[in-house]
N, C-alpha and C. Protein backbone atom coordinates (compact mmCIF):
# COMPACT_ATOMS: atom_id res chain seq x y z
N MET A 1 100.54 68.80 79.57
CA MET A 1 101.33 69.84 80.19
C MET A 1 102.34 69.19 81.13
N THR A 2 103.55 69.68 81.09
CA THR A 2 104.64 69.10 81.86
C THR A 2 105.21 70.13 82.83
N TRP A 3 105.59 69.67 84.01
CA TRP A 3 106.28 70.53 84.98
C TRP A 3 107.76 70.55 84.65
N HIS A 4 108.37 71.74 84.67
CA HIS A 4 109.78 71.91 84.36
C HIS A 4 110.50 72.52 85.56
N ASP A 5 111.63 71.93 85.92
CA ASP A 5 112.44 72.46 87.02
C ASP A 5 113.10 73.77 86.59
N VAL A 6 113.17 74.70 87.53
CA VAL A 6 113.84 75.98 87.29
C VAL A 6 115.14 76.03 88.08
N ALA A 7 115.02 76.03 89.41
CA ALA A 7 116.18 76.09 90.30
C ALA A 7 115.71 75.85 91.72
N ARG A 8 116.64 75.66 92.62
CA ARG A 8 116.30 75.51 94.03
C ARG A 8 115.66 76.81 94.54
N GLU A 9 114.67 76.64 95.35
CA GLU A 9 113.92 77.78 95.90
C GLU A 9 114.84 78.78 96.58
N ASP A 10 115.82 78.29 97.32
CA ASP A 10 116.70 79.19 98.07
C ASP A 10 117.74 79.89 97.20
N SER A 11 117.79 79.58 95.90
CA SER A 11 118.75 80.26 95.01
C SER A 11 118.17 81.51 94.35
N PHE A 12 116.86 81.74 94.54
CA PHE A 12 116.20 82.91 93.93
C PHE A 12 116.41 84.16 94.79
N GLU A 13 116.67 85.26 94.12
CA GLU A 13 116.65 86.56 94.77
C GLU A 13 115.35 87.24 94.36
N GLU A 14 114.77 88.02 95.25
CA GLU A 14 113.52 88.70 94.93
C GLU A 14 113.75 89.67 93.77
N ASP A 15 112.83 89.65 92.80
CA ASP A 15 112.82 90.53 91.63
C ASP A 15 113.94 90.24 90.62
N VAL A 16 114.64 89.12 90.77
CA VAL A 16 115.69 88.74 89.81
C VAL A 16 115.25 87.43 89.16
N PRO A 17 114.87 87.47 87.87
CA PRO A 17 114.32 86.27 87.24
C PRO A 17 115.38 85.22 86.90
N LYS A 18 114.91 84.00 86.83
CA LYS A 18 115.69 82.90 86.27
C LYS A 18 114.95 82.50 85.00
N VAL A 19 115.69 82.19 83.94
CA VAL A 19 115.09 81.92 82.64
C VAL A 19 115.33 80.47 82.25
N VAL A 20 114.27 79.86 81.71
CA VAL A 20 114.34 78.48 81.22
C VAL A 20 113.85 78.47 79.78
N GLN A 21 114.60 77.81 78.92
CA GLN A 21 114.20 77.64 77.52
C GLN A 21 113.66 76.22 77.38
N VAL A 22 112.41 76.09 76.90
CA VAL A 22 111.80 74.79 76.64
C VAL A 22 111.35 74.81 75.20
N GLY A 23 112.09 74.14 74.33
CA GLY A 23 111.80 74.21 72.90
C GLY A 23 111.91 75.64 72.44
N GLU A 24 110.86 76.17 71.85
CA GLU A 24 110.85 77.56 71.38
C GLU A 24 110.35 78.54 72.44
N ASP A 25 109.88 78.01 73.57
CA ASP A 25 109.34 78.86 74.63
C ASP A 25 110.43 79.27 75.61
N ARG A 26 110.49 80.54 75.89
CA ARG A 26 111.44 81.10 76.85
C ARG A 26 110.62 81.68 78.00
N VAL A 27 110.84 81.16 79.20
CA VAL A 27 110.02 81.51 80.37
C VAL A 27 110.91 82.13 81.44
N ALA A 28 110.46 83.27 81.98
CA ALA A 28 111.15 83.94 83.09
C ALA A 28 110.37 83.65 84.36
N VAL A 29 111.07 83.19 85.38
CA VAL A 29 110.44 82.87 86.66
C VAL A 29 110.97 83.85 87.71
N PHE A 30 110.04 84.53 88.38
CA PHE A 30 110.37 85.55 89.36
C PHE A 30 109.94 85.11 90.75
N ARG A 31 110.74 85.49 91.73
CA ARG A 31 110.32 85.36 93.13
C ARG A 31 109.91 86.75 93.59
N LEU A 32 108.63 86.89 93.94
CA LEU A 32 108.13 88.12 94.53
C LEU A 32 107.85 87.85 96.00
N GLU A 33 107.49 88.86 96.74
CA GLU A 33 107.29 88.70 98.19
C GLU A 33 106.20 87.69 98.52
N ASP A 34 105.25 87.47 97.60
CA ASP A 34 104.15 86.55 97.88
C ASP A 34 104.23 85.23 97.11
N GLY A 35 105.36 84.94 96.47
CA GLY A 35 105.48 83.65 95.80
C GLY A 35 106.26 83.72 94.49
N PHE A 36 106.14 82.64 93.73
CA PHE A 36 106.84 82.52 92.45
C PHE A 36 105.86 82.68 91.30
N TYR A 37 106.32 83.36 90.24
CA TYR A 37 105.48 83.63 89.07
C TYR A 37 106.29 83.38 87.81
N ALA A 38 105.65 82.77 86.83
CA ALA A 38 106.32 82.47 85.56
C ALA A 38 105.56 83.15 84.43
N ILE A 39 106.31 83.88 83.59
CA ILE A 39 105.74 84.60 82.45
C ILE A 39 106.60 84.35 81.22
N SER A 40 106.04 84.61 80.07
CA SER A 40 106.83 84.59 78.84
C SER A 40 107.93 85.64 78.98
N ASP A 41 109.13 85.30 78.54
CA ASP A 41 110.27 86.21 78.66
C ASP A 41 110.37 87.17 77.47
N ILE A 42 109.49 87.03 76.50
CA ILE A 42 109.56 87.84 75.28
C ILE A 42 108.47 88.91 75.31
N CYS A 43 108.87 90.16 75.15
CA CYS A 43 107.92 91.27 75.11
C CYS A 43 106.93 91.07 73.96
N THR A 44 105.67 91.40 74.20
CA THR A 44 104.65 91.23 73.16
C THR A 44 104.63 92.37 72.16
N HIS A 45 105.34 93.45 72.43
CA HIS A 45 105.38 94.59 71.52
C HIS A 45 106.40 94.38 70.41
N GLU A 46 107.61 94.04 70.80
CA GLU A 46 108.69 93.81 69.85
C GLU A 46 109.68 92.89 70.55
N TYR A 47 110.38 92.07 69.79
CA TYR A 47 111.25 91.07 70.40
C TYR A 47 112.30 91.72 71.31
N ALA A 48 112.17 91.45 72.59
CA ALA A 48 113.15 91.87 73.60
C ALA A 48 112.98 90.92 74.78
N LEU A 49 114.05 90.67 75.49
CA LEU A 49 114.02 89.77 76.64
C LEU A 49 113.65 90.56 77.90
N LEU A 50 112.50 90.23 78.46
CA LEU A 50 112.06 90.93 79.66
C LEU A 50 112.99 90.65 80.84
N SER A 51 113.65 89.50 80.83
CA SER A 51 114.59 89.18 81.91
C SER A 51 115.77 90.15 81.93
N ASP A 52 115.98 90.88 80.84
CA ASP A 52 117.02 91.92 80.80
C ASP A 52 116.50 93.28 81.27
N GLY A 53 115.20 93.34 81.56
CA GLY A 53 114.58 94.61 81.95
C GLY A 53 114.63 94.85 83.44
N PHE A 54 114.10 95.97 83.84
CA PHE A 54 114.07 96.40 85.24
C PHE A 54 112.82 95.83 85.91
N CYS A 55 112.98 95.30 87.11
CA CYS A 55 111.85 94.72 87.85
C CYS A 55 111.72 95.41 89.19
N GLU A 56 110.48 95.85 89.49
CA GLU A 56 110.22 96.49 90.78
C GLU A 56 108.72 96.48 91.05
N ASP A 57 108.35 96.30 92.30
CA ASP A 57 106.94 96.36 92.73
C ASP A 57 106.04 95.43 91.93
N GLY A 58 106.52 94.24 91.60
CA GLY A 58 105.70 93.26 90.89
C GLY A 58 105.53 93.55 89.41
N LYS A 59 106.33 94.47 88.87
CA LYS A 59 106.27 94.80 87.44
C LYS A 59 107.64 94.62 86.82
N VAL A 60 107.63 94.28 85.54
CA VAL A 60 108.89 94.20 84.79
C VAL A 60 108.77 95.15 83.60
N GLU A 61 109.85 95.87 83.34
CA GLU A 61 109.89 96.84 82.25
C GLU A 61 110.73 96.30 81.11
N CYS A 62 110.19 96.36 79.90
CA CYS A 62 110.92 95.93 78.72
C CYS A 62 112.14 96.85 78.52
N PRO A 63 113.31 96.26 78.27
CA PRO A 63 114.50 97.10 78.09
C PRO A 63 114.54 97.84 76.76
N LEU A 64 113.66 97.48 75.83
CA LEU A 64 113.70 98.09 74.50
C LEU A 64 112.88 99.38 74.42
N HIS A 65 111.61 99.31 74.80
CA HIS A 65 110.74 100.48 74.68
C HIS A 65 110.00 100.84 75.96
N GLN A 66 110.42 100.28 77.09
CA GLN A 66 109.89 100.59 78.42
C GLN A 66 108.43 100.23 78.65
N ALA A 67 107.88 99.32 77.87
CA ALA A 67 106.54 98.81 78.18
C ALA A 67 106.64 98.04 79.50
N CYS A 68 105.62 98.15 80.35
CA CYS A 68 105.62 97.45 81.63
C CYS A 68 104.54 96.38 81.66
N PHE A 69 104.84 95.30 82.38
CA PHE A 69 103.92 94.18 82.52
C PHE A 69 103.82 93.80 83.99
N ASP A 70 102.62 93.39 84.40
CA ASP A 70 102.40 92.87 85.75
C ASP A 70 102.91 91.43 85.77
N ILE A 71 103.84 91.13 86.65
CA ILE A 71 104.43 89.79 86.70
C ILE A 71 103.41 88.76 87.17
N ARG A 72 102.51 89.12 88.06
CA ARG A 72 101.54 88.16 88.59
C ARG A 72 100.49 87.75 87.55
N SER A 73 100.05 88.70 86.74
CA SER A 73 98.94 88.43 85.81
C SER A 73 99.38 88.41 84.34
N GLY A 74 100.56 88.96 84.03
CA GLY A 74 101.00 89.08 82.64
C GLY A 74 100.40 90.27 81.92
N LYS A 75 99.55 91.04 82.59
CA LYS A 75 98.84 92.15 81.95
C LYS A 75 99.80 93.24 81.48
N ALA A 76 99.61 93.69 80.23
CA ALA A 76 100.36 94.83 79.70
C ALA A 76 99.84 96.08 80.39
N LEU A 77 100.74 96.83 81.04
CA LEU A 77 100.34 98.00 81.82
C LEU A 77 100.60 99.31 81.12
N ASP A 78 101.59 99.36 80.24
CA ASP A 78 101.98 100.60 79.58
C ASP A 78 102.21 100.37 78.10
N GLU A 79 101.91 101.39 77.32
CA GLU A 79 102.23 101.35 75.90
C GLU A 79 103.74 101.43 75.75
N PRO A 80 104.29 100.90 74.71
CA PRO A 80 103.61 100.52 73.49
C PRO A 80 103.02 99.11 73.49
N ALA A 81 103.23 98.33 74.55
CA ALA A 81 102.66 96.98 74.59
C ALA A 81 101.16 97.05 74.81
N GLU A 82 100.42 96.28 74.05
CA GLU A 82 98.96 96.20 74.20
C GLU A 82 98.48 94.78 74.43
N ILE A 83 99.36 93.80 74.21
CA ILE A 83 99.01 92.39 74.35
C ILE A 83 99.63 91.86 75.64
N ASP A 84 98.83 91.16 76.44
CA ASP A 84 99.31 90.59 77.69
C ASP A 84 100.28 89.44 77.43
N LEU A 85 101.11 89.17 78.42
CA LEU A 85 102.06 88.06 78.36
C LEU A 85 101.38 86.75 78.75
N ALA A 86 101.88 85.64 78.24
CA ALA A 86 101.44 84.33 78.71
C ALA A 86 101.99 84.13 80.12
N THR A 87 101.19 83.52 80.99
CA THR A 87 101.61 83.19 82.34
C THR A 87 101.52 81.67 82.51
N TYR A 88 102.27 81.15 83.46
CA TYR A 88 102.33 79.71 83.67
C TYR A 88 102.24 79.40 85.16
N PRO A 89 101.54 78.32 85.53
CA PRO A 89 101.45 77.94 86.94
C PRO A 89 102.83 77.58 87.48
N THR A 90 103.04 77.85 88.77
CA THR A 90 104.28 77.48 89.43
C THR A 90 103.98 76.67 90.68
N ARG A 91 104.99 75.95 91.14
CA ARG A 91 104.90 75.22 92.41
C ARG A 91 106.32 74.98 92.92
N VAL A 92 106.42 74.59 94.18
CA VAL A 92 107.69 74.20 94.77
C VAL A 92 107.56 72.75 95.20
N GLU A 93 108.40 71.90 94.65
CA GLU A 93 108.39 70.46 94.96
C GLU A 93 109.78 70.08 95.45
N GLY A 94 109.87 69.61 96.69
CA GLY A 94 111.15 69.17 97.22
C GLY A 94 112.20 70.29 97.23
N GLY A 95 111.76 71.51 97.41
CA GLY A 95 112.68 72.65 97.44
C GLY A 95 113.06 73.19 96.08
N VAL A 96 112.48 72.62 95.00
CA VAL A 96 112.78 73.05 93.64
C VAL A 96 111.57 73.78 93.06
N VAL A 97 111.81 74.97 92.51
CA VAL A 97 110.74 75.73 91.86
C VAL A 97 110.51 75.14 90.48
N GLN A 98 109.24 74.96 90.13
CA GLN A 98 108.84 74.41 88.84
C GLN A 98 107.75 75.27 88.22
N PHE A 99 107.64 75.21 86.89
CA PHE A 99 106.51 75.82 86.20
C PHE A 99 105.96 74.79 85.23
N ARG A 100 104.68 74.97 84.87
CA ARG A 100 104.02 74.03 83.96
C ARG A 100 103.79 74.69 82.62
N LEU A 101 104.23 73.99 81.58
CA LEU A 101 104.09 74.50 80.20
C LEU A 101 103.36 73.47 79.38
């Protein structure tokens, strides 16, 4: 597993994800009030980019069919999604936010 740089910690806005593509994996990294969280950027119901969806109160809504996911745990909260998202560990090193894939 490798740590991947996302962006400087001070460049993040709360609830506005930054997206990193690593090979075939697309990861959205969010800054919430209690830290940084990295999740798969692809909805598990049907292909849609969650980074294009609405984010509020630690949840992100799929822009295609409005399925909601918990950003901290990846848990699918609303139908039509039934499969949880992959989540990835995050850290801040030297002022740079990273996730491990």
